[in-house]
Amino acid sequence: IKGGSNTAPGAFPHGERSSPPPPVNGSSPTPPVPSPPI
């Protein structure tokens, strides 16, 4: 319950969330470009 050493590796302890890793080379991620409609 206290979030001791029984937490599985890679699992989030209660109430804690990690933020996503920063983008590579300091650039912001670009969304995929949709293909033109047929």
ModelCIF file with pLDDT and N, C-alpha, C, O atoms, coordinates in Angstrom:
data_MODEL
#
_entry.id   MODEL 
#
_entity.id                         1 
_entity.type                       polymer 
_entity.pdbx_number_of_molecules   1 
#
_entity_poly.entity_id                      1 
_entity_poly.type                           'polypeptide(L)' 
_entity_poly.nstd_linkage                   no 
_entity_poly.nstd_monomer                   no 
_entity_poly.pdbx_seq_one_letter_code       IKGGSNTAPGAFPHGERSSPPPPVNGSSPTPPVPSPPI 
_entity_poly.pdbx_seq_one_letter_code_can   IKGGSNTAPGAFPHGERSSPPPPVNGSSPTPPVPSPPI 
_entity_poly.pdbx_strand_id                 A 
#
loop_
_entity_poly_seq.entity_id 
_entity_poly_seq.num 
_entity_poly_seq.mon_id 
_entity_poly_seq.hetero 
1 1  ILE n 
1 2  LYS n 
1 3  GLY n 
1 4  GLY n 
1 5  SER n 
1 6  ASN n 
1 7  THR n 
1 8  ALA n 
1 9  PRO n 
1 10 GLY n 
1 11 ALA n 
1 12 PHE n 
1 13 PRO n 
1 14 HIS n 
1 15 GLY n 
1 16 GLU n 
1 17 ARG n 
1 18 SER n 
1 19 SER n 
1 20 PRO n 
1 21 PRO n 
1 22 PRO n 
1 23 PRO n 
1 24 VAL n 
1 25 ASN n 
1 26 GLY n 
1 27 SER n 
1 28 SER n 
1 29 PRO n 
1 30 THR n 
1 31 PRO n 
1 32 PRO n 
1 33 VAL n 
1 34 PRO n 
1 35 SER n 
1 36 PRO n 
1 37 PRO n 
1 38 ILE n 
#
_struct_asym.id          A 
_struct_asym.entity_id   1 
#
loop_
_ma_qa_metric.id 
_ma_qa_metric.mode 
_ma_qa_metric.name 
_ma_qa_metric.software_group_id 
_ma_qa_metric.type 
1 global pLDDT . pLDDT 
2 local  pLDDT . pLDDT 
#
_ma_qa_metric_global.metric_id      1 
_ma_qa_metric_global.metric_value   58.95 
_ma_qa_metric_global.model_id       1 
_ma_qa_metric_global.ordinal_id     1 
#
loop_
_ma_qa_metric_local.label_asym_id 
_ma_qa_metric_local.label_comp_id 
_ma_qa_metric_local.label_seq_id 
_ma_qa_metric_local.metric_id 
_ma_qa_metric_local.metric_value 
_ma_qa_metric_local.model_id 
_ma_qa_metric_local.ordinal_id 
A ILE 1  2 65.00 1 1  
A LYS 2  2 57.00 1 2  
A GLY 3  2 53.00 1 3  
A GLY 4  2 49.00 1 4  
A SER 5  2 50.00 1 5  
A ASN 6  2 50.00 1 6  
A THR 7  2 49.00 1 7  
A ALA 8  2 52.00 1 8  
A PRO 9  2 52.00 1 9  
A GLY 10 2 48.00 1 10 
A ALA 11 2 50.00 1 11 
A PHE 12 2 49.00 1 12 
A PRO 13 2 53.00 1 13 
A HIS 14 2 54.00 1 14 
A GLY 15 2 53.00 1 15 
A GLU 16 2 55.00 1 16 
A ARG 17 2 57.00 1 17 
A SER 18 2 60.00 1 18 
A SER 19 2 64.00 1 19 
A PRO 20 2 63.00 1 20 
A PRO 21 2 64.00 1 21 
A PRO 22 2 62.00 1 22 
A PRO 23 2 60.00 1 23 
A VAL 24 2 62.00 1 24 
A ASN 25 2 64.00 1 25 
A GLY 26 2 56.00 1 26 
A SER 27 2 59.00 1 27 
A SER 28 2 60.00 1 28 
A PRO 29 2 61.00 1 29 
A THR 30 2 68.00 1 30 
A PRO 31 2 70.00 1 31 
A PRO 32 2 72.00 1 32 
A VAL 33 2 71.00 1 33 
A PRO 34 2 70.00 1 34 
A SER 35 2 64.00 1 35 
A PRO 36 2 63.00 1 36 
A PRO 37 2 64.00 1 37 
A ILE 38 2 67.00 1 38 
#
loop_
_atom_site.group_PDB 
_atom_site.id 
_atom_site.type_symbol 
_atom_site.label_atom_id 
_atom_site.label_alt_id 
_atom_site.label_comp_id 
_atom_site.label_asym_id 
_atom_site.label_entity_id 
_atom_site.label_seq_id 
_atom_site.pdbx_PDB_ins_code 
_atom_site.Cartn_x 
_atom_site.Cartn_y 
_atom_site.Cartn_z 
_atom_site.occupancy 
_atom_site.B_iso_or_equiv 
_atom_site.pdbx_formal_charge 
_atom_site.auth_seq_id 
_atom_site.auth_comp_id 
_atom_site.auth_asym_id 
_atom_site.auth_atom_id 
_atom_site.pdbx_PDB_model_num 
ATOM 1   N N  . ILE A 1 1  ? 0.830  -1.198 0.000   1.00 65.00 ? 1  ILE A N  1 
ATOM 2   C CA . ILE A 1 1  ? 0.000  0.000  0.000   1.00 65.00 ? 1  ILE A CA 1 
ATOM 3   C C  . ILE A 1 1  ? 0.871  1.258  0.000   1.00 65.00 ? 1  ILE A C  1 
ATOM 4   O O  . ILE A 1 1  ? 0.524  2.239  -0.657  1.00 65.00 ? 1  ILE A O  1 
ATOM 5   N N  . LYS A 1 2  ? 1.967  1.249  0.704   1.00 57.00 ? 2  LYS A N  1 
ATOM 6   C CA . LYS A 1 2  ? 2.854  2.412  0.771   1.00 57.00 ? 2  LYS A CA 1 
ATOM 7   C C  . LYS A 1 2  ? 3.729  2.531  -0.466  1.00 57.00 ? 2  LYS A C  1 
ATOM 8   O O  . LYS A 1 2  ? 4.495  3.489  -0.570  1.00 57.00 ? 2  LYS A O  1 
ATOM 9   N N  . GLY A 1 3  ? 3.648  1.604  -1.404  1.00 53.00 ? 3  GLY A N  1 
ATOM 10  C CA . GLY A 1 3  ? 4.460  1.678  -2.609  1.00 53.00 ? 3  GLY A CA 1 
ATOM 11  C C  . GLY A 1 3  ? 5.894  1.277  -2.330  1.00 53.00 ? 3  GLY A C  1 
ATOM 12  O O  . GLY A 1 3  ? 6.831  1.905  -2.823  1.00 53.00 ? 3  GLY A O  1 
ATOM 13  N N  . GLY A 1 4  ? 6.056  0.266  -1.567  1.00 49.00 ? 4  GLY A N  1 
ATOM 14  C CA . GLY A 1 4  ? 7.385  -0.196 -1.189  1.00 49.00 ? 4  GLY A CA 1 
ATOM 15  C C  . GLY A 1 4  ? 8.090  -0.878 -2.333  1.00 49.00 ? 4  GLY A C  1 
ATOM 16  O O  . GLY A 1 4  ? 7.829  -0.584 -3.500  1.00 49.00 ? 4  GLY A O  1 
ATOM 17  N N  . SER A 1 5  ? 8.975  -1.780 -2.006  1.00 50.00 ? 5  SER A N  1 
ATOM 18  C CA . SER A 1 5  ? 9.809  -2.422 -3.007  1.00 50.00 ? 5  SER A CA 1 
ATOM 19  C C  . SER A 1 5  ? 9.072  -3.506 -3.787  1.00 50.00 ? 5  SER A C  1 
ATOM 20  O O  . SER A 1 5  ? 9.677  -4.161 -4.636  1.00 50.00 ? 5  SER A O  1 
ATOM 21  N N  . ASN A 1 6  ? 7.774  -3.715 -3.521  1.00 50.00 ? 6  ASN A N  1 
ATOM 22  C CA . ASN A 1 6  ? 7.024  -4.738 -4.230  1.00 50.00 ? 6  ASN A CA 1 
ATOM 23  C C  . ASN A 1 6  ? 6.481  -4.255 -5.582  1.00 50.00 ? 6  ASN A C  1 
ATOM 24  O O  . ASN A 1 6  ? 5.804  -5.007 -6.283  1.00 50.00 ? 6  ASN A O  1 
ATOM 25  N N  . THR A 1 7  ? 6.780  -3.003 -5.944  1.00 49.00 ? 7  THR A N  1 
ATOM 26  C CA . THR A 1 7  ? 6.296  -2.474 -7.210  1.00 49.00 ? 7  THR A CA 1 
ATOM 27  C C  . THR A 1 7  ? 7.058  -3.131 -8.354  1.00 49.00 ? 7  THR A C  1 
ATOM 28  O O  . THR A 1 7  ? 8.285  -3.221 -8.316  1.00 49.00 ? 7  THR A O  1 
ATOM 29  N N  . ALA A 1 8  ? 6.343  -3.582 -9.355  1.00 52.00 ? 8  ALA A N  1 
ATOM 30  C CA . ALA A 1 8  ? 6.968  -4.254 -10.489 1.00 52.00 ? 8  ALA A CA 1 
ATOM 31  C C  . ALA A 1 8  ? 7.800  -3.252 -11.289 1.00 52.00 ? 8  ALA A C  1 
ATOM 32  O O  . ALA A 1 8  ? 7.448  -2.075 -11.365 1.00 52.00 ? 8  ALA A O  1 
ATOM 33  N N  . PRO A 1 9  ? 8.902  -3.713 -11.887 1.00 52.00 ? 9  PRO A N  1 
ATOM 34  C CA . PRO A 1 9  ? 9.696  -2.795 -12.684 1.00 52.00 ? 9  PRO A CA 1 
ATOM 35  C C  . PRO A 1 9  ? 8.897  -2.281 -13.877 1.00 52.00 ? 9  PRO A C  1 
ATOM 36  O O  . PRO A 1 9  ? 8.239  -3.052 -14.576 1.00 52.00 ? 9  PRO A O  1 
ATOM 37  N N  . GLY A 1 10 ? 8.962  -0.974 -14.100 1.00 48.00 ? 10 GLY A N  1 
ATOM 38  C CA . GLY A 1 10 ? 8.247  -0.372 -15.202 1.00 48.00 ? 10 GLY A CA 1 
ATOM 39  C C  . GLY A 1 10 ? 6.819  0.010  -14.860 1.00 48.00 ? 10 GLY A C  1 
ATOM 40  O O  . GLY A 1 10 ? 6.173  0.706  -15.644 1.00 48.00 ? 10 GLY A O  1 
ATOM 41  N N  . ALA A 1 11 ? 6.296  -0.426 -13.698 1.00 50.00 ? 11 ALA A N  1 
ATOM 42  C CA . ALA A 1 11 ? 4.939  -0.080 -13.300 1.00 50.00 ? 11 ALA A CA 1 
ATOM 43  C C  . ALA A 1 11 ? 4.958  1.260  -12.586 1.00 50.00 ? 11 ALA A C  1 
ATOM 44  O O  . ALA A 1 11 ? 5.961  1.635  -11.980 1.00 50.00 ? 11 ALA A O  1 
ATOM 45  N N  . PHE A 1 12 ? 3.838  1.983  -12.662 1.00 49.00 ? 12 PHE A N  1 
ATOM 46  C CA . PHE A 1 12 ? 3.752  3.257  -11.986 1.00 49.00 ? 12 PHE A CA 1 
ATOM 47  C C  . PHE A 1 12 ? 3.335  3.030  -10.542 1.00 49.00 ? 12 PHE A C  1 
ATOM 48  O O  . PHE A 1 12 ? 2.363  2.317  -10.297 1.00 49.00 ? 12 PHE A O  1 
ATOM 49  N N  . PRO A 1 13 ? 4.041  3.615  -9.577  1.00 53.00 ? 13 PRO A N  1 
ATOM 50  C CA . PRO A 1 13 ? 3.561  3.567  -8.195  1.00 53.00 ? 13 PRO A CA 1 
ATOM 51  C C  . PRO A 1 13 ? 2.257  4.352  -8.106  1.00 53.00 ? 13 PRO A C  1 
ATOM 52  O O  . PRO A 1 13 ? 1.947  5.136  -9.002  1.00 53.00 ? 13 PRO A O  1 
ATOM 53  N N  . HIS A 1 14 ? 1.509  4.156  -7.063  1.00 54.00 ? 14 HIS A N  1 
ATOM 54  C CA . HIS A 1 14 ? 0.204  4.787  -6.913  1.00 54.00 ? 14 HIS A CA 1 
ATOM 55  C C  . HIS A 1 14 ? 0.319  6.298  -7.029  1.00 54.00 ? 14 HIS A C  1 
ATOM 56  O O  . HIS A 1 14 ? 1.091  6.924  -6.302  1.00 54.00 ? 14 HIS A O  1 
ATOM 57  N N  . GLY A 1 15 ? -0.453 6.891  -7.949  1.00 53.00 ? 15 GLY A N  1 
ATOM 58  C CA . GLY A 1 15 ? -0.528 8.331  -8.071  1.00 53.00 ? 15 GLY A CA 1 
ATOM 59  C C  . GLY A 1 15 ? 0.611  8.979  -8.837  1.00 53.00 ? 15 GLY A C  1 
ATOM 60  O O  . GLY A 1 15 ? 0.537  10.180 -9.096  1.00 53.00 ? 15 GLY A O  1 
ATOM 61  N N  . GLU A 1 16 ? 1.641  8.275  -9.209  1.00 55.00 ? 16 GLU A N  1 
ATOM 62  C CA . GLU A 1 16 ? 2.767  8.883  -9.905  1.00 55.00 ? 16 GLU A CA 1 
ATOM 63  C C  . GLU A 1 16 ? 2.723  8.497  -11.381 1.00 55.00 ? 16 GLU A C  1 
ATOM 64  O O  . GLU A 1 16 ? 2.494  7.335  -11.716 1.00 55.00 ? 16 GLU A O  1 
ATOM 65  N N  . ARG A 1 17 ? 2.940  9.453  -12.244 1.00 57.00 ? 17 ARG A N  1 
ATOM 66  C CA . ARG A 1 17 ? 2.993  9.222  -13.683 1.00 57.00 ? 17 ARG A CA 1 
ATOM 67  C C  . ARG A 1 17 ? 4.243  9.906  -14.223 1.00 57.00 ? 17 ARG A C  1 
ATOM 68  O O  . ARG A 1 17 ? 4.591  11.008 -13.799 1.00 57.00 ? 17 ARG A O  1 
ATOM 69  N N  . SER A 1 18 ? 4.898  9.260  -15.141 1.00 60.00 ? 18 SER A N  1 
ATOM 70  C CA . SER A 1 18 ? 6.070  9.882  -15.729 1.00 60.00 ? 18 SER A CA 1 
ATOM 71  C C  . SER A 1 18 ? 5.665  10.572 -17.024 1.00 60.00 ? 18 SER A C  1 
ATOM 72  O O  . SER A 1 18 ? 4.730  10.136 -17.695 1.00 60.00 ? 18 SER A O  1 
ATOM 73  N N  . SER A 1 19 ? 6.354  11.632 -17.373 1.00 64.00 ? 19 SER A N  1 
ATOM 74  C CA . SER A 1 19 ? 6.063  12.344 -18.606 1.00 64.00 ? 19 SER A CA 1 
ATOM 75  C C  . SER A 1 19 ? 6.778  11.643 -19.760 1.00 64.00 ? 19 SER A C  1 
ATOM 76  O O  . SER A 1 19 ? 7.742  10.913 -19.532 1.00 64.00 ? 19 SER A O  1 
ATOM 77  N N  . PRO A 1 20 ? 6.317  11.856 -21.001 1.00 63.00 ? 20 PRO A N  1 
ATOM 78  C CA . PRO A 1 20 ? 6.980  11.214 -22.130 1.00 63.00 ? 20 PRO A CA 1 
ATOM 79  C C  . PRO A 1 20 ? 8.397  11.755 -22.298 1.00 63.00 ? 20 PRO A C  1 
ATOM 80  O O  . PRO A 1 20 ? 8.688  12.876 -21.880 1.00 63.00 ? 20 PRO A O  1 
ATOM 81  N N  . PRO A 1 21 ? 9.278  10.965 -22.907 1.00 64.00 ? 21 PRO A N  1 
ATOM 82  C CA . PRO A 1 21 ? 10.654 11.430 -23.056 1.00 64.00 ? 21 PRO A CA 1 
ATOM 83  C C  . PRO A 1 21 ? 10.709 12.638 -23.983 1.00 64.00 ? 21 PRO A C  1 
ATOM 84  O O  . PRO A 1 21 ? 9.871  12.778 -24.873 1.00 64.00 ? 21 PRO A O  1 
ATOM 85  N N  . PRO A 1 22 ? 11.703 13.517 -23.775 1.00 62.00 ? 22 PRO A N  1 
ATOM 86  C CA . PRO A 1 22 ? 11.802 14.702 -24.630 1.00 62.00 ? 22 PRO A CA 1 
ATOM 87  C C  . PRO A 1 22 ? 12.136 14.295 -26.059 1.00 62.00 ? 22 PRO A C  1 
ATOM 88  O O  . PRO A 1 22 ? 12.754 13.252 -26.274 1.00 62.00 ? 22 PRO A O  1 
ATOM 89  N N  . PRO A 1 23 ? 11.732 15.112 -27.048 1.00 60.00 ? 23 PRO A N  1 
ATOM 90  C CA . PRO A 1 23 ? 12.024 14.771 -28.443 1.00 60.00 ? 23 PRO A CA 1 
ATOM 91  C C  . PRO A 1 23 ? 13.520 14.795 -28.730 1.00 60.00 ? 23 PRO A C  1 
ATOM 92  O O  . PRO A 1 23 ? 14.282 15.500 -28.069 1.00 60.00 ? 23 PRO A O  1 
ATOM 93  N N  . VAL A 1 24 ? 13.921 14.020 -29.716 1.00 62.00 ? 24 VAL A N  1 
ATOM 94  C CA . VAL A 1 24 ? 15.317 13.929 -30.099 1.00 62.00 ? 24 VAL A CA 1 
ATOM 95  C C  . VAL A 1 24 ? 15.726 15.221 -30.805 1.00 62.00 ? 24 VAL A C  1 
ATOM 96  O O  . VAL A 1 24 ? 14.952 15.778 -31.582 1.00 62.00 ? 24 VAL A O  1 
ATOM 97  N N  . ASN A 1 25 ? 16.942 15.694 -30.534 1.00 64.00 ? 25 ASN A N  1 
ATOM 98  C CA . ASN A 1 25 ? 17.512 16.897 -31.141 1.00 64.00 ? 25 ASN A CA 1 
ATOM 99  C C  . ASN A 1 25 ? 16.710 18.152 -30.833 1.00 64.00 ? 25 ASN A C  1 
ATOM 100 O O  . ASN A 1 25 ? 16.862 19.150 -31.537 1.00 64.00 ? 25 ASN A O  1 
ATOM 101 N N  . GLY A 1 26 ? 15.874 18.144 -29.825 1.00 56.00 ? 26 GLY A N  1 
ATOM 102 C CA . GLY A 1 26 ? 15.142 19.333 -29.418 1.00 56.00 ? 26 GLY A CA 1 
ATOM 103 C C  . GLY A 1 26 ? 14.016 19.734 -30.358 1.00 56.00 ? 26 GLY A C  1 
ATOM 104 O O  . GLY A 1 26 ? 13.396 20.775 -30.140 1.00 56.00 ? 26 GLY A O  1 
ATOM 105 N N  . SER A 1 27 ? 13.724 18.955 -31.392 1.00 59.00 ? 27 SER A N  1 
ATOM 106 C CA . SER A 1 27 ? 12.650 19.312 -32.312 1.00 59.00 ? 27 SER A CA 1 
ATOM 107 C C  . SER A 1 27 ? 11.338 18.715 -31.820 1.00 59.00 ? 27 SER A C  1 
ATOM 108 O O  . SER A 1 27 ? 11.321 17.684 -31.147 1.00 59.00 ? 27 SER A O  1 
ATOM 109 N N  . SER A 1 28 ? 10.252 19.375 -32.164 1.00 60.00 ? 28 SER A N  1 
ATOM 110 C CA . SER A 1 28 ? 8.956  18.853 -31.746 1.00 60.00 ? 28 SER A CA 1 
ATOM 111 C C  . SER A 1 28 ? 8.525  17.759 -32.726 1.00 60.00 ? 28 SER A C  1 
ATOM 112 O O  . SER A 1 28 ? 8.831  17.838 -33.915 1.00 60.00 ? 28 SER A O  1 
ATOM 113 N N  . PRO A 1 29 ? 7.820  16.744 -32.235 1.00 61.00 ? 29 PRO A N  1 
ATOM 114 C CA . PRO A 1 29 ? 7.385  15.668 -33.135 1.00 61.00 ? 29 PRO A CA 1 
ATOM 115 C C  . PRO A 1 29 ? 6.350  16.197 -34.121 1.00 61.00 ? 29 PRO A C  1 
ATOM 116 O O  . PRO A 1 29 ? 5.464  16.965 -33.745 1.00 61.00 ? 29 PRO A O  1 
ATOM 117 N N  . THR A 1 30 ? 6.463  15.786 -35.379 1.00 68.00 ? 30 THR A N  1 
ATOM 118 C CA . THR A 1 30 ? 5.526  16.231 -36.405 1.00 68.00 ? 30 THR A CA 1 
ATOM 119 C C  . THR A 1 30 ? 4.496  15.138 -36.649 1.00 68.00 ? 30 THR A C  1 
ATOM 120 O O  . THR A 1 30 ? 4.835  13.955 -36.684 1.00 68.00 ? 30 THR A O  1 
ATOM 121 N N  . PRO A 1 31 ? 3.243  15.530 -36.817 1.00 70.00 ? 31 PRO A N  1 
ATOM 122 C CA . PRO A 1 31 ? 2.215  14.520 -37.077 1.00 70.00 ? 31 PRO A CA 1 
ATOM 123 C C  . PRO A 1 31 ? 2.400  13.943 -38.477 1.00 70.00 ? 31 PRO A C  1 
ATOM 124 O O  . PRO A 1 31 ? 2.937  14.619 -39.354 1.00 70.00 ? 31 PRO A O  1 
ATOM 125 N N  . PRO A 1 32 ? 1.964  12.707 -38.700 1.00 72.00 ? 32 PRO A N  1 
ATOM 126 C CA . PRO A 1 32 ? 2.100  12.108 -40.031 1.00 72.00 ? 32 PRO A CA 1 
ATOM 127 C C  . PRO A 1 32 ? 1.244  12.860 -41.047 1.00 72.00 ? 32 PRO A C  1 
ATOM 128 O O  . PRO A 1 32 ? 0.147  13.322 -40.734 1.00 72.00 ? 32 PRO A O  1 
ATOM 129 N N  . VAL A 1 33 ? 1.750  12.971 -42.234 1.00 71.00 ? 33 VAL A N  1 
ATOM 130 C CA . VAL A 1 33 ? 1.047  13.672 -43.305 1.00 71.00 ? 33 VAL A CA 1 
ATOM 131 C C  . VAL A 1 33 ? 0.064  12.701 -43.954 1.00 71.00 ? 33 VAL A C  1 
ATOM 132 O O  . VAL A 1 33 ? 0.472  11.638 -44.421 1.00 71.00 ? 33 VAL A O  1 
ATOM 133 N N  . PRO A 1 34 ? -1.236 13.050 -43.992 1.00 70.00 ? 34 PRO A N  1 
ATOM 134 C CA . PRO A 1 34 ? -2.200 12.131 -44.614 1.00 70.00 ? 34 PRO A CA 1 
ATOM 135 C C  . PRO A 1 34 ? -2.015 12.101 -46.126 1.00 70.00 ? 34 PRO A C  1 
ATOM 136 O O  . PRO A 1 34 ? -1.633 13.095 -46.743 1.00 70.00 ? 34 PRO A O  1 
ATOM 137 N N  . SER A 1 35 ? -2.293 10.945 -46.700 1.00 64.00 ? 35 SER A N  1 
ATOM 138 C CA . SER A 1 35 ? -2.178 10.814 -48.144 1.00 64.00 ? 35 SER A CA 1 
ATOM 139 C C  . SER A 1 35 ? -3.347 11.542 -48.804 1.00 64.00 ? 35 SER A C  1 
ATOM 140 O O  . SER A 1 35 ? -4.422 11.632 -48.211 1.00 64.00 ? 35 SER A O  1 
ATOM 141 N N  . PRO A 1 36 ? -3.161 12.059 -50.012 1.00 63.00 ? 36 PRO A N  1 
ATOM 142 C CA . PRO A 1 36 ? -4.266 12.765 -50.671 1.00 63.00 ? 36 PRO A CA 1 
ATOM 143 C C  . PRO A 1 36 ? -5.404 11.799 -50.993 1.00 63.00 ? 36 PRO A C  1 
ATOM 144 O O  . PRO A 1 36 ? -5.156 10.627 -51.274 1.00 63.00 ? 36 PRO A O  1 
ATOM 145 N N  . PRO A 1 37 ? -6.640 12.275 -50.954 1.00 64.00 ? 37 PRO A N  1 
ATOM 146 C CA . PRO A 1 37 ? -7.765 11.379 -51.236 1.00 64.00 ? 37 PRO A CA 1 
ATOM 147 C C  . PRO A 1 37 ? -7.739 10.909 -52.688 1.00 64.00 ? 37 PRO A C  1 
ATOM 148 O O  . PRO A 1 37 ? -7.322 11.634 -53.591 1.00 64.00 ? 37 PRO A O  1 
ATOM 149 N N  . ILE A 1 38 ? -8.192 9.684  -52.880 1.00 67.00 ? 38 ILE A N  1 
ATOM 150 C CA . ILE A 1 38 ? -8.227 9.099  -54.216 1.00 67.00 ? 38 ILE A CA 1 
ATOM 151 C C  . ILE A 1 38 ? -9.476 9.611  -54.914 1.00 67.00 ? 38 ILE A C  1 
ATOM 152 O O  . ILE A 1 38 ? -9.730 9.256  -56.065 1.00 67.00 ? 38 ILE A O  1 
#
